[in-house]
Amino acid sequence: MSLYHTEYWQQVIEESITHATAQGYLRPCVVCGNPFFFRTKEAEICSFCEEEMSKESLHAS
């Protein structure tokens, strides 16, 4: 892979993150603080924490 391709994809990723942040999809998770998980606008936690919590609630019942 050439350096051109690396720089191109880095730019694409940065623009995607900027766009997602502007749309409200990349706010930090209230549980772990990770800002890099896409999530719904309604959710305050990232998909990883949501999955962990659902596992815990299954074990609790």
C-alpha atoms as a PDB file:
ATOM      1  CA  MET A   1       0.000   0.000   0.000  1.00  0.00           C
ATOM      2  CA  SER A   2       1.410   3.362  -0.953  1.00  0.00           C
ATOM      3  CA  LEU A   3       1.722   6.338   1.353  1.00  0.00           C
ATOM      4  CA  TYR A   4      -0.909   8.095  -0.777  1.00  0.00           C
ATOM      5  CA  HIS A   5      -3.481   5.460   0.108  1.00  0.00           C
ATOM      6  CA  THR A   6      -2.612   5.648   3.810  1.00  0.00           C
ATOM      7  CA  GLU A   7      -3.023   9.440   3.864  1.00  0.00           C
ATOM      8  CA  TYR A   8      -6.243   9.213   1.864  1.00  0.00           C
ATOM      9  CA  TRP A   9      -7.867   6.741   4.256  1.00  0.00           C
ATOM     10  CA  GLN A  10      -6.677   8.682   7.288  1.00  0.00           C
ATOM     11  CA  GLN A  11      -8.439  11.757   5.857  1.00  0.00           C
ATOM     12  CA  VAL A  12     -11.612   9.746   5.150  1.00  0.00           C
ATOM     13  CA  ILE A  13     -11.649   8.412   8.725  1.00  0.00           C
ATOM     14  CA  GLU A  14     -11.084  11.887  10.216  1.00  0.00           C
ATOM     15  CA  GLU A  15     -13.914  13.351   8.115  1.00  0.00           C
ATOM     16  CA  SER A  16     -16.214  10.487   9.145  1.00  0.00           C
ATOM     17  CA  ILE A  17     -15.457  11.075  12.839  1.00  0.00           C
ATOM     18  CA  THR A  18     -16.021  14.830  12.445  1.00  0.00           C
ATOM     19  CA  HIS A  19     -19.359  14.235  10.696  1.00  0.00           C
ATOM     20  CA  ALA A  20     -20.499  11.650  13.257  1.00  0.00           C
ATOM     21  CA  THR A  21     -19.573  13.989  16.124  1.00  0.00           C
ATOM     22  CA  ALA A  22     -21.549  16.833  14.518  1.00  0.00           C
ATOM     23  CA  GLN A  23     -24.555  14.515  14.135  1.00  0.00           C
ATOM     24  CA  GLY A  24     -24.352  13.583  17.828  1.00  0.00           C
ATOM     25  CA  TYR A  25     -23.319   9.970  17.334  1.00  0.00           C
ATOM     26  CA  LEU A  26     -19.895  10.228  18.947  1.00  0.00           C
ATOM     27  CA  ARG A  27     -20.567  11.716  22.355  1.00  0.00           C
ATOM     28  CA  PRO A  28     -18.540  10.039  25.124  1.00  0.00           C
ATOM     29  CA  CYS A  29     -20.181   7.083  26.853  1.00  0.00           C
ATOM     30  CA  VAL A  30     -21.438   7.987  30.354  1.00  0.00           C
ATOM     31  CA  VAL A  31     -20.234   4.627  31.723  1.00  0.00           C
ATOM     32  CA  CYS A  32     -16.705   4.192  30.337  1.00  0.00           C
ATOM     33  CA  GLY A  33     -16.106   7.588  28.688  1.00  0.00           C
ATOM     34  CA  ASN A  34     -15.123   6.004  25.366  1.00  0.00           C
ATOM     35  CA  PRO A  35     -15.921   8.499  22.563  1.00  0.00           C
ATOM     36  CA  PHE A  36     -15.270   6.105  19.689  1.00  0.00           C
ATOM     37  CA  PHE A  37     -18.335   3.857  19.732  1.00  0.00           C
ATOM     38  CA  PHE A  38     -21.207   4.678  17.416  1.00  0.00           C
ATOM     39  CA  ARG A  39     -24.518   4.638  19.233  1.00  0.00           C
ATOM     40  CA  THR A  40     -28.072   5.874  18.926  1.00  0.00           C
ATOM     41  CA  LYS A  41     -28.838   9.487  19.810  1.00  0.00           C
ATOM     42  CA  GLU A  42     -31.121   8.320  22.635  1.00  0.00           C
ATOM     43  CA  ALA A  43     -28.510   6.101  24.296  1.00  0.00           C
ATOM     44  CA  GLU A  44     -26.071   7.559  26.803  1.00  0.00           C
ATOM     45  CA  ILE A  45     -23.884   4.454  26.826  1.00  0.00           C
ATOM     46  CA  CYS A  46     -21.783   2.900  24.081  1.00  0.00           C
ATOM     47  CA  SER A  47     -22.632  -0.386  22.405  1.00  0.00           C
ATOM     48  CA  PHE A  48     -19.892  -2.217  24.332  1.00  0.00           C
ATOM     49  CA  CYS A  49     -21.205  -1.156  27.768  1.00  0.00           C
ATOM     50  CA  GLU A  50     -24.770  -1.845  26.631  1.00  0.00           C
ATOM     51  CA  GLU A  51     -23.755  -5.389  25.685  1.00  0.00           C
ATOM     52  CA  GLU A  52     -21.926  -5.901  29.001  1.00  0.00           C
ATOM     53  CA  MET A  53     -24.959  -4.637  30.959  1.00  0.00           C
ATOM     54  CA  SER A  54     -27.333  -6.939  29.083  1.00  0.00           C
ATOM     55  CA  LYS A  55     -25.040  -9.896  29.895  1.00  0.00           C
ATOM     56  CA  GLU A  56     -25.056  -8.914  33.590  1.00  0.00           C
ATOM     57  CA  SER A  57     -28.852  -8.576  33.695  1.00  0.00           C
ATOM     58  CA  LEU A  58     -29.224 -12.025  32.108  1.00  0.00           C
ATOM     59  CA  HIS A  59     -27.000 -13.549  34.797  1.00  0.00           C
ATOM     60  CA  ALA A  60     -28.822 -11.667  37.569  1.00  0.00           C
ATOM     61  CA  SER A  61     -32.264 -13.052  36.696  1.00  0.00           C
END
